PDB file of N, CA and C in Angstrom:
ATOM      1  N   MET A   1       0.785 -32.384  10.599  1.00  0.00           N
ATOM      2  CA  MET A   1       0.338 -33.720  11.557  1.00  0.00           C
ATOM      3  C   MET A   1       1.161 -34.652  10.344  1.00  0.00           C
ATOM      4  N   ASP A   2       0.929 -35.866  10.798  1.00  0.00           N
ATOM      5  CA  ASP A   2       2.146 -37.060   9.937  1.00  0.00           C
ATOM      6  C   ASP A   2       1.197 -37.670   9.703  1.00  0.00           C
ATOM      7  N   ILE A   3       1.561 -38.598   8.629  1.00  0.00           N
ATOM      8  CA  ILE A   3       0.529 -39.759   8.268  1.00  0.00           C
ATOM      9  C   ILE A   3      -0.165 -40.297   9.521  1.00  0.00           C
ATOM     10  N   PRO A   4       1.052 -40.849  10.117  1.00  0.00           N
ATOM     11  CA  PRO A   4       0.441 -42.071  11.032  1.00  0.00           C
ATOM     12  C   PRO A   4      -0.613 -41.483  11.864  1.00  0.00           C
ATOM     13  N   ALA A   5      -0.434 -40.026  12.473  1.00  0.00           N
ATOM     14  CA  ALA A   5      -1.356 -39.550  13.552  1.00  0.00           C
ATOM     15  C   ALA A   5      -2.569 -39.132  12.777  1.00  0.00           C
ATOM     16  N   LEU A   6      -2.356 -38.729  11.473  1.00  0.00           N
ATOM     17  CA  LEU A   6      -3.969 -38.527  10.576  1.00  0.00           C
ATOM     18  C   LEU A   6      -4.663 -39.809  10.501  1.00  0.00           C
ATOM     19  N   ALA A   7      -3.702 -41.006  10.064  1.00  0.00           N
ATOM     20  CA  ALA A   7      -4.761 -41.774  10.087  1.00  0.00           C
ATOM     21  C   ALA A   7      -5.430 -42.896  11.426  1.00  0.00           C
ATOM     22  N   ALA A   8      -4.477 -42.479  12.304  1.00  0.00           N
ATOM     23  CA  ALA A   8      -5.272 -42.621  13.540  1.00  0.00           C
ATOM     24  C   ALA A   8      -6.750 -41.715  13.672  1.00  0.00           C
ATOM     25  N   LEU A   9      -6.112 -40.411  13.641  1.00  0.00           N
ATOM     26  CA  LEU A   9      -7.249 -39.707  14.182  1.00  0.00           C
ATOM     27  C   LEU A   9      -8.602 -39.804  13.417  1.00  0.00           C
ATOM     28  N   LEU A  10      -8.456 -39.885  12.039  1.00  0.00           N
ATOM     29  CA  LEU A  10      -9.617 -40.225  11.245  1.00  0.00           C
ATOM     30  C   LEU A  10     -10.499 -41.951  11.381  1.00  0.00           C
ATOM     31  N   HIS A  11      -9.295 -42.683  12.004  1.00  0.00           N
ATOM     32  CA  HIS A  11     -10.176 -44.257  12.745  1.00  0.00           C
ATOM     33  C   HIS A  11     -10.669 -43.856  13.892  1.00  0.00           C
ATOM     34  N   GLU A  12     -10.175 -43.084  14.644  1.00  0.00           N
ATOM     35  CA  GLU A  12     -11.082 -42.379  15.665  1.00  0.00           C
ATOM     36  C   GLU A  12     -12.484 -41.850  15.276  1.00  0.00           C
ATOM     37  N   THR A  13     -12.099 -41.132  14.268  1.00  0.00           N
ATOM     38  CA  THR A  13     -13.447 -40.219  13.806  1.00  0.00           C
ATOM     39  C   THR A  13     -14.673 -41.070  13.056  1.00  0.00           C
ATOM     40  N   ALA A  14     -13.892 -42.199  12.709  1.00  0.00           N
ATOM     41  CA  ALA A  14     -15.264 -43.045  11.670  1.00  0.00           C
ATOM     42  C   ALA A  14     -15.797 -43.755  13.266  1.00  0.00           C
ATOM     43  N   GLU A  15     -15.012 -44.376  14.005  1.00  0.00           N
ATOM     44  CA  GLU A  15     -15.264 -45.051  15.136  1.00  0.00           C
ATOM     45  C   GLU A  15     -16.724 -44.349  15.822  1.00  0.00           C
ATOM     46  N   HIS A  16     -16.341 -42.970  16.130  1.00  0.00           N
ATOM     47  CA  HIS A  16     -17.194 -42.065  16.556  1.00  0.00           C
ATOM     48  C   HIS A  16     -18.727 -41.826  16.186  1.00  0.00           C
ATOM     49  N   HIS A  17     -18.114 -41.446  14.438  1.00  0.00           N
ATOM     50  CA  HIS A  17     -19.344 -41.377  13.516  1.00  0.00           C
ATOM     51  C   HIS A  17     -20.291 -42.594  13.402  1.00  0.00           C
ATOM     52  N   GLY A  18     -20.165 -43.781  13.824  1.00  0.00           N
ATOM     53  CA  GLY A  18     -20.868 -44.653  13.916  1.00  0.00           C
ATOM     54  C   GLY A  18     -21.911 -44.604  14.193  1.00  0.00           C
ATOM     55  N   SER A  19     -21.814 -44.282  15.735  1.00  0.00           N
ATOM     56  CA  SER A  19     -23.231 -43.747  16.634  1.00  0.00           C
ATOM     57  C   SER A  19     -23.902 -42.563  16.151  1.00  0.00           C
ATOM     58  N   PHE A  20     -23.646 -41.285  15.477  1.00  0.00           N
ATOM     59  CA  PHE A  20     -24.202 -40.514  14.660  1.00  0.00           C
ATOM     60  C   PHE A  20     -24.818 -41.062  14.158  1.00  0.00           C
ATOM     61  N   GLU A  21     -24.294 -41.878  13.113  1.00  0.00           N
ATOM     62  CA  GLU A  21     -24.846 -42.224  11.957  1.00  0.00           C
ATOM     63  C   GLU A  21     -25.902 -42.982  11.674  1.00  0.00           C
ATOM     64  N   ALA A  22     -25.763 -43.793  13.073  1.00  0.00           N
ATOM     65  CA  ALA A  22     -27.230 -44.722  13.102  1.00  0.00           C
ATOM     66  C   ALA A  22     -28.378 -44.264  13.535  1.00  0.00           C
ATOM     67  N   VAL A  23     -28.206 -43.089  13.959  1.00  0.00           N
ATOM     68  CA  VAL A  23     -29.443 -42.544  14.406  1.00  0.00           C
ATOM     69  C   VAL A  23     -29.817 -40.736  13.141  1.00  0.00           C
ATOM     70  N   ALA A  24     -28.754 -40.417  12.737  1.00  0.00           N
ATOM     71  CA  ALA A  24     -29.302 -39.289  11.648  1.00  0.00           C
ATOM     72  C   ALA A  24     -29.828 -39.688  10.459  1.00  0.00           C
ATOM     73  N   PRO A  25     -30.204 -38.390   9.905  1.00  0.00           N
ATOM     74  CA  PRO A  25     -30.952 -38.347   8.763  1.00  0.00           C
ATOM     75  C   PRO A  25     -29.952 -38.369   7.896  1.00  0.00           C
ATOM     76  N   PRO A  26     -30.525 -38.820   6.585  1.00  0.00           N
ATOM     77  CA  PRO A  26     -28.964 -38.249   5.596  1.00  0.00           C
ATOM     78  C   PRO A  26     -28.297 -37.337   5.543  1.00  0.00           C
ATOM     79  N   HIS A  27     -27.071 -37.382   5.483  1.00  0.00           N
ATOM     80  CA  HIS A  27     -26.136 -36.423   5.337  1.00  0.00           C
ATOM     81  C   HIS A  27     -24.685 -36.723   4.920  1.00  0.00           C
ATOM     82  N   ASP A  28     -23.978 -36.025   4.687  1.00  0.00           N
ATOM     83  CA  ASP A  28     -22.598 -36.356   4.106  1.00  0.00           C
ATOM     84  C   ASP A  28     -21.651 -36.506   5.348  1.00  0.00           C
ATOM     85  N   TRP A  29     -20.996 -37.508   5.076  1.00  0.00           N
ATOM     86  CA  TRP A  29     -20.316 -37.868   7.045  1.00  0.00           C
ATOM     87  C   TRP A  29     -19.421 -36.935   6.292  1.00  0.00           C
ATOM     88  N   TRP A  30     -18.458 -36.403   5.344  1.00  0.00           N
ATOM     89  CA  TRP A  30     -17.423 -35.148   5.660  1.00  0.00           C
ATOM     90  C   TRP A  30     -17.747 -34.024   6.556  1.00  0.00           C
ATOM     91  N   ASP A  31     -19.071 -33.511   6.509  1.00  0.00           N
ATOM     92  CA  ASP A  31     -19.254 -32.494   7.092  1.00  0.00           C
ATOM     93  C   ASP A  31     -18.675 -32.861   8.785  1.00  0.00           C
ATOM     94  N   TRP A  32     -19.746 -33.870   9.398  1.00  0.00           N
ATOM     95  CA  TRP A  32     -18.958 -34.324  10.823  1.00  0.00           C
ATOM     96  C   TRP A  32     -17.677 -34.650  10.876  1.00  0.00           C
ATOM     97  N   TYR A  33     -16.715 -35.568  10.211  1.00  0.00           N
ATOM     98  CA  TYR A  33     -15.747 -35.854  10.144  1.00  0.00           C
ATOM     99  C   TYR A  33     -15.171 -34.179  10.410  1.00  0.00           C
ATOM    100  N   ALA A  34     -15.311 -33.093   9.651  1.00  0.00           N
ATOM    101  CA  ALA A  34     -14.547 -32.293   9.462  1.00  0.00           C
ATOM    102  C   ALA A  34     -14.739 -31.536  10.958  1.00  0.00           C
ATOM    103  N   ALA A  35     -16.164 -31.388  11.446  1.00  0.00           N
ATOM    104  CA  ALA A  35     -15.861 -30.802  12.942  1.00  0.00           C
ATOM    105  C   ALA A  35     -15.815 -31.791  13.526  1.00  0.00           C
ATOM    106  N   TYR A  36     -15.867 -32.933  13.878  1.00  0.00           N
ATOM    107  CA  TYR A  36     -15.084 -34.026  14.902  1.00  0.00           C
ATOM    108  C   TYR A  36     -13.566 -33.349  14.978  1.00  0.00           C
ATOM    109  N   MET A  37     -12.923 -33.441  13.745  1.00  0.00           N
ATOM    110  CA  MET A  37     -11.570 -33.334  14.276  1.00  0.00           C
ATOM    111  C   MET A  37     -10.909 -31.937  14.426  1.00  0.00           C
ATOM    112  N   ASP A  38     -11.828 -31.289  14.022  1.00  0.00           N
ATOM    113  CA  ASP A  38     -11.311 -29.595  14.002  1.00  0.00           C
ATOM    114  C   ASP A  38     -11.941 -29.476  15.818  1.00  0.00           C
ATOM    115  N   ALA A  39     -12.291 -30.397  16.804  1.00  0.00           N
ATOM    116  CA  ALA A  39     -12.944 -30.429  17.763  1.00  0.00           C
ATOM    117  C   ALA A  39     -11.429 -30.864  18.496  1.00  0.00           C
ATOM    118  N   ARG A  40     -11.282 -32.174  17.999  1.00  0.00           N
ATOM    119  CA  ARG A  40      -9.993 -32.883  18.634  1.00  0.00           C
ATOM    120  C   ARG A  40      -8.793 -31.806  18.408  1.00  0.00           C
ATOM    121  N   GLU A  41      -8.333 -31.528  17.198  1.00  0.00           N
ATOM    122  CA  GLU A  41      -7.170 -31.205  17.166  1.00  0.00           C
ATOM    123  C   GLU A  41      -6.951 -30.032  17.842  1.00  0.00           C
ATOM    124  N   ILE A  42      -8.353 -28.987  18.508  1.00  0.00           N
ATOM    125  CA  ILE A  42      -8.303 -27.849  19.807  1.00  0.00           C
ATOM    126  C   ILE A  42      -7.864 -28.155  21.003  1.00  0.00           C
ATOM    127  N   GLY A  43      -8.252 -29.712  21.090  1.00  0.00           N
ATOM    128  CA  GLY A  43      -7.900 -30.380  22.549  1.00  0.00           C
ATOM    129  C   GLY A  43      -9.058 -31.073  23.092  1.00  0.00           C
ATOM    130  N   SER A  44     -10.441 -30.957  22.846  1.00  0.00           N
ATOM    131  CA  SER A  44     -11.388 -31.414  23.189  1.00  0.00           C
ATOM    132  C   SER A  44     -11.338 -33.110  23.109  1.00  0.00           C
ATOM    133  N   THR A  45     -11.697 -34.055  24.027  1.00  0.00           N
ATOM    134  CA  THR A  45     -11.559 -35.453  24.661  1.00  0.00           C
ATOM    135  C   THR A  45     -12.923 -35.907  23.405  1.00  0.00           C
ATOM    136  N   PRO A  46     -12.743 -37.231  22.997  1.00  0.00           N
ATOM    137  CA  PRO A  46     -13.563 -37.639  21.839  1.00  0.00           C
ATOM    138  C   PRO A  46     -14.805 -37.281  22.110  1.00  0.00           C
ATOM    139  N   ASP A  47     -15.667 -37.482  23.276  1.00  0.00           N
ATOM    140  CA  ASP A  47     -16.709 -36.927  23.647  1.00  0.00           C
ATOM    141  C   ASP A  47     -17.383 -35.650  23.055  1.00  0.00           C
ATOM    142  N   GLU A  48     -16.329 -34.906  23.672  1.00  0.00           N
ATOM    143  CA  GLU A  48     -16.780 -33.486  23.261  1.00  0.00           C
ATOM    144  C   GLU A  48     -16.272 -33.014  22.163  1.00  0.00           C
ATOM    145  N   ALA A  49     -15.823 -33.673  21.270  1.00  0.00           N
ATOM    146  CA  ALA A  49     -15.658 -33.676  19.830  1.00  0.00           C
ATOM    147  C   ALA A  49     -16.862 -34.414  19.259  1.00  0.00           C
ATOM    148  N   SER A  50     -17.587 -35.251  20.048  1.00  0.00           N
ATOM    149  CA  SER A  50     -18.911 -35.606  19.229  1.00  0.00           C
ATOM    150  C   SER A  50     -19.755 -34.786  19.220  1.00  0.00           C
ATOM    151  N   ALA A  51     -19.902 -34.112  20.355  1.00  0.00           N
ATOM    152  CA  ALA A  51     -20.983 -33.370  20.497  1.00  0.00           C
ATOM    153  C   ALA A  51     -21.006 -32.318  19.927  1.00  0.00           C
ATOM    154  N   ALA A  52     -19.297 -31.835  19.592  1.00  0.00           N
ATOM    155  CA  ALA A  52     -19.650 -30.449  19.084  1.00  0.00           C
ATOM    156  C   ALA A  52     -19.815 -30.835  17.473  1.00  0.00           C
ATOM    157  N   ALA A  53     -19.716 -31.830  17.102  1.00  0.00           N
ATOM    158  CA  ALA A  53     -19.915 -32.305  15.471  1.00  0.00           C
ATOM    159  C   ALA A  53     -21.426 -32.538  15.571  1.00  0.00           C
ATOM    160  N   GLY A  54     -21.700 -32.728  16.659  1.00  0.00           N
ATOM    161  CA  GLY A  54     -23.534 -33.111  16.501  1.00  0.00           C
ATOM    162  C   GLY A  54     -23.973 -31.672  16.593  1.00  0.00           C
ATOM    163  N   ARG A  55     -23.772 -30.992  16.935  1.00  0.00           N
ATOM    164  CA  ARG A  55     -23.941 -29.386  17.465  1.00  0.00           C
ATOM    165  C   ARG A  55     -23.855 -28.660  15.665  1.00  0.00           C
ATOM    166  N   TYR A  56     -22.623 -28.459  15.781  1.00  0.00           N
ATOM    167  CA  TYR A  56     -22.287 -28.486  14.120  1.00  0.00           C
ATOM    168  C   TYR A  56     -23.188 -28.939  12.977  1.00  0.00           C
ATOM    169  N   MET A  57     -23.329 -29.834  12.732  1.00  0.00           N
ATOM    170  CA  MET A  57     -24.725 -30.670  11.925  1.00  0.00           C
ATOM    171  C   MET A  57     -25.766 -30.097  12.254  1.00  0.00           C
ATOM    172  N   ALA A  58     -26.092 -29.841  13.455  1.00  0.00           N
ATOM    173  CA  ALA A  58     -27.829 -29.315  13.809  1.00  0.00           C
ATOM    174  C   ALA A  58     -28.152 -27.801  13.178  1.00  0.00           C
ATOM    175  N   LYS A  59     -26.771 -26.783  13.792  1.00  0.00           N
ATOM    176  CA  LYS A  59     -26.724 -25.624  13.603  1.00  0.00           C
ATOM    177  C   LYS A  59     -26.659 -24.956  12.265  1.00  0.00           C
ATOM    178  N   VAL A  60     -25.473 -25.754  11.672  1.00  0.00           N
ATOM    179  CA  VAL A  60     -25.183 -25.128  10.096  1.00  0.00           C
ATOM    180  C   VAL A  60     -25.717 -25.724   9.002  1.00  0.00           C
ATOM    181  N   LYS A  61     -25.609 -27.351   9.145  1.00  0.00           N
ATOM    182  CA  LYS A  61     -25.848 -28.086   7.897  1.00  0.00           C
ATOM    183  C   LYS A  61     -27.577 -28.674   7.889  1.00  0.00           C
ATOM    184  N   HIS A  62     -27.725 -28.382   9.663  1.00  0.00           N
ATOM    185  CA  HIS A  62     -29.553 -28.614   9.481  1.00  0.00           C
ATOM    186  C   HIS A  62     -29.957 -30.351   9.876  1.00  0.00           C
ATOM    187  N   VAL A  63     -29.103 -31.057  10.138  1.00  0.00           N
ATOM    188  CA  VAL A  63     -29.318 -31.876  10.251  1.00  0.00           C
ATOM    189  C   VAL A  63     -29.178 -32.615  12.060  1.00  0.00           C
ATOM    190  N   VAL A  64     -30.686 -32.607  12.307  1.00  0.00           N
ATOM    191  CA  VAL A  64     -30.843 -33.290  13.555  1.00  0.00           C
ATOM    192  C   VAL A  64     -31.107 -34.355  13.943  1.00  0.00           C
ATOM    193  N   VAL A  65     -30.195 -35.016  15.106  1.00  0.00           N
ATOM    194  CA  VAL A  65     -30.946 -36.240  15.390  1.00  0.00           C
ATOM    195  C   VAL A  65     -32.145 -36.016  16.230  1.00  0.00           C
ATOM    196  N   SER A  66     -33.296 -36.836  16.469  1.00  0.00           N
ATOM    197  CA  SER A  66     -34.055 -36.598  17.269  1.00  0.00           C
ATOM    198  C   SER A  66     -33.989 -37.357  18.530  1.00  0.00           C
ATOM    199  N   PRO A  67     -34.170 -37.400  19.999  1.00  0.00           N
ATOM    200  CA  PRO A  67     -34.064 -38.280  20.945  1.00  0.00           C
ATOM    201  C   PRO A  67     -35.081 -38.656  20.607  1.00  0.00           C
ATOM    202  N   VAL A  68     -34.137 -40.336  21.320  1.00  0.00           N
ATOM    203  CA  VAL A  68     -35.098 -41.165  21.174  1.00  0.00           C
ATOM    204  C   VAL A  68     -36.474 -41.298  22.823  1.00  0.00           C
TER     205      VAL A  68
END
C-alpha cells in the first residue's frame, strides 16, 4: 500500500473509531484500528469493518460496548 492510500485508510479508520470510542470503556485504540483496517483490506465496507472491529474488541480484548 502506498503512503497516500495508507494515510486515507488511517483517516477513515479514525473517523469510524470515534463512534466506538464515545461509548466504549477504556481501551487501546490501536487494537480497534488494526481490526478495522484488516477488515477494510479484505474488502469489507466501512460499516462491516466497524462491526468486525467491535466483535474483535469484545471477543479478544474483552472491551464490550453496552447497549444504550
